[in-house]
Protein backbone atom coordinates (compact mmCIF):
# COMPACT_ATOMS: atom_id res chain seq x y z
CA MET A 1 15.12 8.48 4.91
CA SER A 2 11.62 9.40 6.10
CA LYS A 3 9.63 6.58 7.66
CA GLY A 4 6.02 5.57 7.06
CA LEU A 5 3.61 3.43 9.03
CA LEU A 6 1.42 0.71 7.56
CA VAL A 7 -1.72 0.18 9.65
CA SER A 8 -3.59 -3.06 8.98
CA MET A 9 -6.52 -4.87 10.63
CA ILE A 10 -6.68 -8.57 11.44
CA GLY A 11 -9.96 -10.45 11.71
CA ARG A 12 -10.61 -13.93 13.07
CA GLY A 13 -8.23 -15.48 10.60
CA ASN A 14 -8.47 -18.73 8.62
CA TYR A 15 -7.97 -16.63 5.50
CA LYS A 16 -7.56 -18.34 2.16
CA LYS A 17 -4.37 -17.77 0.24
CA THR A 18 -5.22 -15.05 -2.24
CA ARG A 19 -3.43 -13.64 -5.25
CA TYR A 20 -3.79 -9.86 -5.20
CA LYS A 21 -3.26 -7.73 -8.29
CA PHE A 22 -2.16 -4.13 -7.78
CA GLU A 23 -3.04 -1.32 -10.17
CA ASP A 24 0.40 -1.43 -11.84
CA GLY A 25 -0.07 -5.14 -12.60
CA THR A 26 2.09 -6.48 -9.75
CA GLU A 27 0.72 -9.74 -8.33
CA ILE A 28 1.46 -10.96 -4.79
CA GLU A 29 0.00 -14.08 -3.17
CA LYS A 30 -0.60 -14.01 0.60
CA PHE A 31 -3.16 -15.06 3.19
CA LEU A 32 -3.42 -11.62 4.78
CA PHE A 33 -3.83 -8.57 2.56
CA GLY A 34 -1.75 -6.43 4.92
CA SER A 35 1.19 -8.74 4.30
CA ALA A 36 0.74 -8.48 0.54
CA LEU A 37 0.55 -4.70 0.77
CA TYR A 38 3.69 -4.57 2.91
CA SER A 39 5.63 -6.64 0.35
CA TYR A 40 4.36 -4.47 -2.48
CA LEU A 41 5.25 -1.18 -0.79
CA LEU A 42 8.77 -2.43 -0.06
CA THR A 43 9.27 -2.92 -3.82
CA LYS A 44 8.27 0.73 -4.25
CA GLY A 45 11.00 1.92 -1.90
CA TYR A 46 8.90 2.58 1.19
CA ASN A 47 10.59 2.48 4.59
CA LEU A 48 7.89 1.20 6.92
CA ASP A 49 7.01 0.37 10.48
CA LEU A 50 3.99 -1.88 10.93
CA LEU A 51 0.94 -1.60 13.16
CA PHE A 52 -1.62 -4.40 13.35
CA VAL A 53 -4.98 -4.00 15.04
CA GLY A 54 -7.01 -6.99 16.17
CA THR A 55 -8.80 -8.65 19.05
CA VAL A 56 -7.76 -11.48 21.39
CA ASN A 57 -9.59 -13.82 18.99
CA SER A 58 -8.04 -12.49 15.78
CA GLY A 59 -5.88 -14.70 13.60
CA TRP A 60 -2.53 -13.30 14.72
CA GLY A 61 -0.82 -16.37 13.35
CA GLU A 62 -1.61 -15.10 9.84
CA LEU A 63 1.31 -12.71 10.28
CA ILE A 64 3.58 -15.64 9.49
CA ASP A 65 2.89 -14.50 5.93
CA LEU A 66 5.49 -11.80 6.53
CA THR A 67 8.35 -14.25 7.08
CA GLN A 68 8.33 -16.41 3.94
CA ASP A 69 11.87 -15.56 2.92
CA ILE A 70 13.71 -16.04 6.25
CA GLU A 71 17.16 -17.59 5.74
CA ASP A 72 18.31 -17.69 9.39
CA GLN A 73 17.41 -21.27 10.39
CA ASN A 74 17.58 -20.65 14.16
CA LEU A 75 15.26 -17.66 13.87
CA LYS A 76 13.02 -19.63 11.55
CA LYS A 77 12.75 -22.40 14.15
CA LYS A 78 11.88 -19.93 16.92
CA ILE A 79 9.16 -18.43 14.74
CA GLU A 80 7.71 -21.85 13.96
CA GLU A 81 7.62 -22.72 17.69
CA ALA A 82 5.95 -19.42 18.55
CA PHE A 83 3.50 -19.93 15.71
CA GLY A 84 2.48 -23.26 17.20
CA LYS A 85 1.54 -21.53 20.47
CA ILE A 86 -0.78 -18.96 18.91
CA SER A 87 -2.29 -20.82 15.95
CA GLY A 88 -5.50 -22.79 16.15
CA LYS A 89 -9.09 -22.20 15.16
CA ASP A 90 -10.43 -21.35 18.63
CA LYS A 91 -7.23 -19.90 20.10
CA THR A 92 -7.58 -16.82 22.29
CA ILE A 93 -4.22 -15.13 22.40
CA GLU A 94 -2.66 -13.73 25.55
CA GLU A 95 -0.61 -10.55 25.78
CA GLY A 96 2.65 -12.39 26.56
CA GLU A 97 2.27 -14.77 23.65
CA LEU A 98 1.51 -11.97 21.22
CA LYS A 99 4.42 -9.88 22.47
CA GLU A 100 6.82 -12.79 21.91
CA TRP A 101 5.37 -13.48 18.47
CA VAL A 102 5.58 -9.88 17.31
CA SER A 103 9.11 -9.50 18.71
CA LEU A 104 10.29 -12.47 16.63
CA LEU A 105 8.60 -11.10 13.52
CA SER A 106 10.25 -7.72 14.08
CA GLU A 107 13.64 -9.39 14.34
CA ALA A 108 13.01 -11.40 11.19
CA LEU A 109 11.93 -8.39 9.15
CA GLY A 110 14.41 -5.94 10.62
CA THR A 111 11.65 -3.42 11.18
CA ASN A 112 9.54 -2.15 14.05
CA ILE A 113 6.18 -3.90 14.49
CA ASN A 114 3.55 -2.64 16.92
CA TYR A 115 0.17 -4.11 17.69
CA ILE A 116 -3.07 -3.06 19.33
CA LEU A 117 -4.65 -6.01 21.15
CA LEU A 118 -8.33 -5.41 21.79
CA ASN A 119 -11.01 -7.16 23.76
CA ASP A 120 -13.58 -9.14 21.81
CA PRO A 121 -15.82 -7.38 21.02
CA PRO A 122 -13.75 -4.21 21.32
CA GLN A 123 -14.99 -0.80 22.46
CA PRO A 124 -14.32 2.15 20.14
CA GLU A 125 -12.83 4.16 23.04
CA GLU A 126 -10.32 1.35 23.59
CA ILE A 127 -9.17 1.61 19.97
CA SER A 128 -8.77 5.39 20.15
CA GLN A 129 -6.90 5.32 23.44
CA LYS A 130 -4.31 2.81 22.25
CA LEU A 131 -3.93 4.41 18.83
CA LEU A 132 -3.37 7.88 20.25
CA SER A 133 -0.90 6.53 22.77
CA LEU A 134 1.16 4.87 20.05
CA PHE A 135 1.25 7.97 17.83
CA SER A 136 2.28 10.19 20.72
CA GLU A 137 5.60 8.32 20.80
CA ASN A 138 6.38 8.37 17.07
CA ASP A 139 6.40 10.70 14.08
CA TYR A 140 5.75 9.44 10.56
CA SER A 141 5.85 11.25 7.24
CA LYS A 142 3.28 8.91 5.73
CA VAL A 143 0.56 6.61 7.07
CA ILE A 144 -0.76 3.83 4.85
CA LEU A 145 -4.12 2.49 5.99
CA ASP A 146 -5.35 -0.97 4.98
CA ILE A 147 -9.09 -1.30 5.69
CA THR A 148 -9.60 -4.82 4.29
CA HIS A 149 -9.97 -7.17 7.28
CA GLY A 150 -11.39 -7.16 10.81
CA TYR A 151 -14.73 -6.31 12.33
CA ARG A 152 -16.36 -3.81 9.97
CA PHE A 153 -16.44 -1.01 12.51
CA ILE A 154 -12.78 -1.33 13.55
CA PRO A 155 -11.40 0.20 10.30
CA TYR A 156 -13.84 3.10 10.76
CA ALA A 157 -12.73 3.66 14.35
CA VAL A 158 -9.06 3.48 13.34
CA SER A 159 -9.65 5.73 10.32
CA LEU A 160 -11.31 8.42 12.39
CA GLY A 161 -8.53 8.21 14.98
CA ILE A 162 -5.94 8.65 12.24
CA LEU A 163 -7.82 11.64 10.84
CA LEU A 164 -7.75 13.20 14.29
CA LEU A 165 -4.01 12.58 14.52
CA LYS A 166 -3.50 14.00 11.02
CA ASN A 167 -4.62 17.37 12.39
CA LEU A 168 -1.90 17.17 15.04
CA LYS A 169 0.90 15.55 13.06
CA ASP A 170 1.80 16.42 9.50
CA PHE A 171 1.72 13.15 7.56
CA GLU A 172 0.42 12.05 4.17
CA LEU A 173 -2.37 9.46 4.15
CA GLU A 174 -2.82 6.59 1.69
CA ILE A 175 -5.79 4.21 1.89
CA TYR A 176 -5.87 0.69 0.37
CA TYR A 177 -8.48 -2.03 0.10
CA GLY A 178 -8.00 -5.65 -0.97
CA PHE A 179 -11.20 -6.22 -2.96
CA LEU A 180 -11.98 -9.76 -1.83
CA GLU A 181 -15.62 -9.50 -2.95
CA PHE A 182 -14.64 -9.16 -6.62
CA GLN A 183 -12.55 -11.43 -8.84
CA ASN A 184 -10.69 -10.45 -11.99
CA GLU A 185 -10.97 -12.60 -15.11
CA ASP A 186 -7.57 -14.11 -14.34
CA GLY A 187 -8.68 -15.19 -10.85
CA THR A 188 -6.80 -12.47 -8.96
CA ARG A 189 -8.41 -10.03 -6.55
CA PRO A 190 -8.01 -6.33 -7.38
CA VAL A 191 -6.26 -3.95 -5.00
CA LEU A 192 -7.81 -0.51 -4.81
CA ARG A 193 -5.93 2.60 -3.80
CA LEU A 194 -8.81 4.73 -2.55
CA ASN A 195 -7.47 8.00 -3.93
CA HIS A 196 -10.84 9.71 -3.81
CA LEU A 197 -11.13 9.11 -0.06
CA GLU A 198 -7.66 10.59 0.33
CA GLU A 199 -8.82 13.65 -1.65
CA LEU A 200 -11.88 13.99 0.59
CA VAL A 201 -9.67 13.91 3.69
CA LYS A 202 -7.52 16.74 2.29
CA LEU A 203 -10.60 18.68 1.24
CA SER A 204 -12.13 18.28 4.69
CA GLN A 205 -8.98 19.67 6.27
CA ALA A 206 -8.88 22.58 3.81
CA LEU A 207 -12.51 23.42 4.61
CA GLY A 208 -11.71 23.28 8.31
CA ILE A 209 -8.92 25.81 7.78
CA LEU A 210 -11.23 28.00 5.70
CA GLU A 211 -14.00 27.90 8.29
CA ASN A 212 -11.73 28.76 11.20
CA THR A 213 -9.31 31.21 9.64
CA GLY A 214 -10.74 32.42 6.34
CA ASP A 215 -7.62 31.12 4.58
CA PHE A 216 -8.83 29.80 1.21
CA ARG A 217 -5.39 28.98 -0.23
CA HIS A 218 -5.38 25.28 0.72
CA TYR A 219 -8.93 24.90 -0.55
CA TYR A 220 -8.15 26.45 -3.96
CA LYS A 221 -5.05 24.32 -4.41
CA LEU A 222 -7.31 21.24 -4.24
CA ILE A 223 -10.34 22.33 -6.24
CA SER A 224 -8.94 24.49 -9.05
CA ASP A 225 -5.99 25.55 -11.16
CA ASN A 226 -6.22 29.15 -9.95
CA GLN A 227 -2.64 30.39 -9.63
CA GLU A 228 -3.50 33.73 -8.06
CA ALA A 229 -5.46 32.60 -5.00
CA GLN A 230 -2.29 32.68 -2.90
CA GLN A 231 -1.50 36.30 -3.79
CA ILE A 232 -5.12 37.41 -3.48
CA TYR A 233 -5.33 35.97 0.03
CA PHE A 234 -2.05 37.64 1.00
CA ARG A 235 -3.35 41.01 -0.09
CA ILE A 236 -6.66 40.54 1.71
CA GLU A 237 -4.96 39.39 4.91
CA THR A 238 -2.57 42.35 4.89
CA ASN A 239 -5.38 44.84 4.12
CA ALA A 240 -3.67 45.76 0.86
CA GLN A 241 -5.72 47.27 -1.94
CA ILE A 242 -7.16 44.68 -4.29
CA GLY A 243 -9.44 45.27 -7.24
CA ASP A 244 -12.95 43.88 -7.27
CA SER A 245 -12.11 42.11 -10.53
CA LYS A 246 -9.65 39.87 -8.66
CA ILE A 247 -12.29 38.89 -6.11
CA ARG A 248 -14.76 38.18 -8.93
CA GLU A 249 -12.14 36.07 -10.67
CA LEU A 250 -11.59 34.10 -7.46
CA ILE A 251 -15.33 33.55 -7.00
CA ASN A 252 -15.85 32.51 -10.63
CA THR A 253 -12.90 30.13 -10.81
CA PRO A 254 -13.99 26.82 -12.40
CA VAL A 255 -13.53 23.75 -10.21
CA ASN A 256 -11.71 20.64 -11.38
CA SER A 257 -14.27 18.02 -10.26
CA GLU A 258 -18.01 17.76 -10.71
CA TYR A 259 -18.58 16.49 -7.17
CA VAL A 260 -17.06 19.70 -5.76
CA LYS A 261 -19.50 22.04 -7.55
CA PRO A 262 -22.46 21.89 -5.09
CA MET A 263 -20.12 22.36 -2.14
CA HIS A 264 -18.24 25.17 -3.88
CA GLU A 265 -21.48 27.12 -4.30
CA LYS A 266 -21.91 27.10 -0.52
CA VAL A 267 -18.26 28.09 -0.03
CA LYS A 268 -18.68 31.04 -2.39
CA ASN A 269 -21.81 32.29 -0.63
CA LYS A 270 -20.48 31.85 2.89
CA TYR A 271 -16.82 32.86 2.62
CA LEU A 272 -16.01 34.56 -0.68
CA LYS A 273 -18.90 36.84 -1.59
CA PRO A 274 -18.53 38.92 1.62
CA LEU A 275 -15.06 39.85 0.27
CA ARG A 276 -16.82 41.61 -2.63
CA ALA A 277 -18.19 44.46 -0.54
CA ASP A 278 -18.47 47.65 -2.63
CA ARG A 279 -16.26 49.63 -0.27
CA THR A 280 -13.10 48.86 1.61
CA GLU A 281 -14.65 49.69 4.97
CA ASP A 282 -17.49 47.19 4.42
CA ARG A 283 -15.00 44.49 3.51
CA LEU A 284 -13.07 45.23 6.70
CA LYS A 285 -16.28 45.15 8.72
CA ASN A 286 -17.28 41.81 7.15
CA ARG A 287 -13.87 40.38 7.96
CA ALA A 288 -14.18 41.71 11.51
CA ARG A 289 -17.51 39.91 11.87
CA PHE A 290 -16.01 36.71 10.44
CA PHE A 291 -13.15 36.67 12.95
CA PHE A 292 -15.34 37.82 15.83
CA GLU A 293 -17.70 34.87 15.35
CA ARG A 294 -14.71 32.51 15.52
CA GLY A 295 -13.21 33.96 18.69
CA GLN A 296 -10.30 35.68 16.93
CA TYR A 297 -10.91 38.83 18.89
CA LEU A 298 -7.68 40.72 18.21
CA LYS A 299 -8.22 40.63 14.46
CA ALA A 300 -11.88 41.48 14.88
CA VAL A 301 -11.39 44.58 17.03
CA LEU A 302 -8.54 45.93 14.89
CA LEU A 303 -10.50 45.51 11.67
CA LEU A 304 -13.72 47.00 13.00
CA HIS A 305 -11.86 49.99 14.47
CA GLU A 306 -10.24 50.65 11.09
CA ALA A 307 -13.53 50.11 9.25
CA LEU A 308 -15.22 52.79 11.34
CA ILE A 309 -12.47 55.33 10.60
CA LEU A 310 -12.72 54.68 6.84
CA LEU A 311 -16.52 54.82 6.93
CA VAL A 312 -16.66 58.14 8.76
CA GLY A 313 -13.83 59.58 6.68
CA ARG A 314 -15.60 58.72 3.45
CA LEU A 315 -18.94 60.12 4.66
CA LYS A 316 -17.22 63.36 5.67
CA GLY A 317 -15.45 63.54 2.31
CA LYS A 318 -11.99 63.29 3.85
CA ILE A 319 -11.03 59.78 2.76
CA GLY A 320 -11.52 58.57 -0.79
CA SER A 321 -12.32 55.10 -2.08
CA SER A 322 -8.68 54.02 -1.83
CA GLY A 323 -8.50 54.76 1.89
CA LEU A 324 -4.84 55.71 1.54
CA GLU A 325 -5.00 59.21 3.02
CA TYR A 326 -3.07 58.48 6.22
CA LYS A 327 -3.00 62.07 7.54
CA GLU A 328 -6.71 62.36 7.03
CA ARG A 329 -7.27 59.16 8.99
CA TRP A 330 -5.73 60.78 12.06
CA LYS A 331 -7.96 63.79 11.61
CA VAL A 332 -11.02 61.54 11.35
CA LYS A 333 -10.01 59.71 14.53
CA ASN A 334 -9.72 63.02 16.36
CA GLU A 335 -13.09 64.16 15.06
CA LEU A 336 -14.69 60.90 16.16
CA ASP A 337 -13.27 61.52 19.63
CA GLN A 338 -14.92 64.96 19.68
CA LEU A 339 -18.32 63.59 18.65
CA ASN A 340 -18.59 62.02 22.08
CA TYR A 341 -20.16 58.72 21.04
CA SER A 342 -19.59 56.18 23.81
CA GLU A 343 -19.59 53.28 21.31
CA TRP A 344 -16.56 54.75 19.56
CA LYS A 345 -14.69 55.60 22.77
CA VAL A 346 -15.12 52.14 24.29
CA LEU A 347 -14.08 50.46 21.03
CA LYS A 348 -11.03 52.75 20.75
CA TYR A 349 -9.78 51.95 24.25
CA LEU A 350 -10.53 48.26 23.82
CA ARG A 351 -8.67 48.24 20.52
CA ASN A 352 -5.62 49.85 22.14
CA ALA A 353 -5.70 47.39 25.03
CA CYS A 354 -5.80 44.41 22.65
CA ALA A 355 -3.18 45.81 20.29
CA HIS A 356 -0.67 46.70 23.02
CA GLY A 357 -1.54 44.09 25.63
CA THR A 358 -2.01 46.69 28.35
CA GLN A 359 -5.03 47.41 30.47
CA PRO A 360 -6.79 50.72 29.71
CA GLN A 361 -5.52 53.19 32.33
CA LEU A 362 -7.54 55.88 34.03
CA GLN A 363 -5.29 58.71 35.22
CA ASP A 364 -7.95 61.04 36.55
CA ARG A 365 -11.49 60.21 37.65
CA SER A 366 -12.62 63.55 36.29
CA ASP A 367 -11.54 62.44 32.82
CA PRO A 368 -14.62 62.70 30.54
CA ASP A 369 -13.65 59.27 29.13
CA ALA A 370 -13.57 57.64 32.57
CA GLU A 371 -16.74 55.64 31.99
CA ALA A 372 -15.60 54.44 28.56
CA ILE A 373 -12.17 53.45 29.91
CA ALA A 374 -13.77 51.48 32.75
CA GLU A 375 -16.05 49.66 30.31
CA ALA A 376 -13.17 48.89 27.95
CA ARG A 377 -11.14 47.55 30.88
CA HIS A 378 -14.02 45.29 31.86
CA ALA A 379 -14.39 44.07 28.27
CA TRP A 380 -10.66 43.39 28.03
CA GLU A 381 -10.91 41.11 31.05
CA ASN A 382 -14.27 39.45 30.42
CA GLU A 383 -15.23 37.63 27.23
CA GLU A 384 -18.98 38.12 27.57
CA LYS A 385 -18.51 41.84 28.09
CA PHE A 386 -16.11 41.89 25.11
CA LYS A 387 -18.81 40.30 22.94
CA GLU A 388 -21.36 42.83 24.16
CA VAL A 389 -19.08 45.76 23.29
CA MET A 390 -18.31 44.34 19.85
CA GLU A 391 -21.96 43.73 19.01
CA ARG A 392 -22.74 47.29 20.01
CA SER A 393 -19.87 48.50 17.82
CA PHE A 394 -21.13 46.56 14.81
CA GLU A 395 -24.55 48.14 15.35
CA PHE A 396 -22.91 51.55 15.67
CA TYR A 397 -21.21 51.00 12.30
CA GLU A 398 -24.50 50.14 10.58
CA LYS A 399 -26.32 53.11 12.07
CA ILE A 400 -23.64 55.49 10.79
CA LYS A 401 -23.69 53.85 7.38
CA ASN A 402 -27.49 54.09 7.17
CA GLY A 403 -27.55 57.71 8.35
CA GLU A 404 -29.24 56.97 11.69
CA ILE A 405 -26.24 58.48 13.49
CA LYS A 406 -24.91 61.70 12.04
CA VAL A 407 -21.16 62.29 11.74
């Protein structure tokens, strides 16, 4: 059975016993909300480890909430003795005392309990360091975050650390809040599952993927009911032919939530509309620019090289709008070689070096391409030179397209 982790904060303690009401109507009375949430999640079939975050002056004794139903009298006595050592209004806990206390609680619950003991006041770097260290040793399928108690900034620091870890480890995130500031008519305090925050986390990750890779599939799964986004992306990524109507359909897809609309307009303008270039070669060139700006140089050089062949082939009347005339492509490449444009030659040799992982070779110094080969070799070994060559190649493309360079 997959295991989850419940992360809960502990403040200075002296909490009042509170009856919490969950959204399904379940009521649980505890001092510490994290304890109530743990009990609730167990009834829902969760298999959980626990992580508590607090300072040396936090009310660690409040964790006794977790042990209400202990039947083992010897263990119960040990817990009561340990509780006496750490309880008290002005008690500053020591590492050894907390370790003993948590060990007894783990034994009583039959689950793994970890803690992060912080200085008071804690430093954010201290929180991140200990959180990252703990997660490096464990893998969880789900993390449940309780942001109810503790210094106000500690839940933020922990939340941001967990978001960082979510990019490295594939777990689901649930966020809960015990709404102590509000009271229901029956005297209970409502428990909020902050689903919208969870949605924003997923959306943020999907936008990160879109920004860095151009992959819009995760984004569309979250914001729309579009069933074809997956196939459209596959065809774009494999340079397969795709009708403009499909791209328009993707761009005009209605979103599911009002709050997404302003953001989606920016997404359409920045990422999707460049896919609607009138001609295949322009779409390839736009994609080359996209990947080039994100350091994905192999994709960029391959796409720009292909875009130039299609552009020249179309202008010379040898390649139609479909771009499927493979024999004609070879002829166009050969004709480009004969035109003796250095921009094309350098790009060609650089493309081959990147595609095959081999340094451009110069067999004979009298070779008319010697200078282009040397420049391509330099670009293959030096990022700044690579960028310079690519920018010159993009400019070369535009000059051909605009008729400034005749082919």
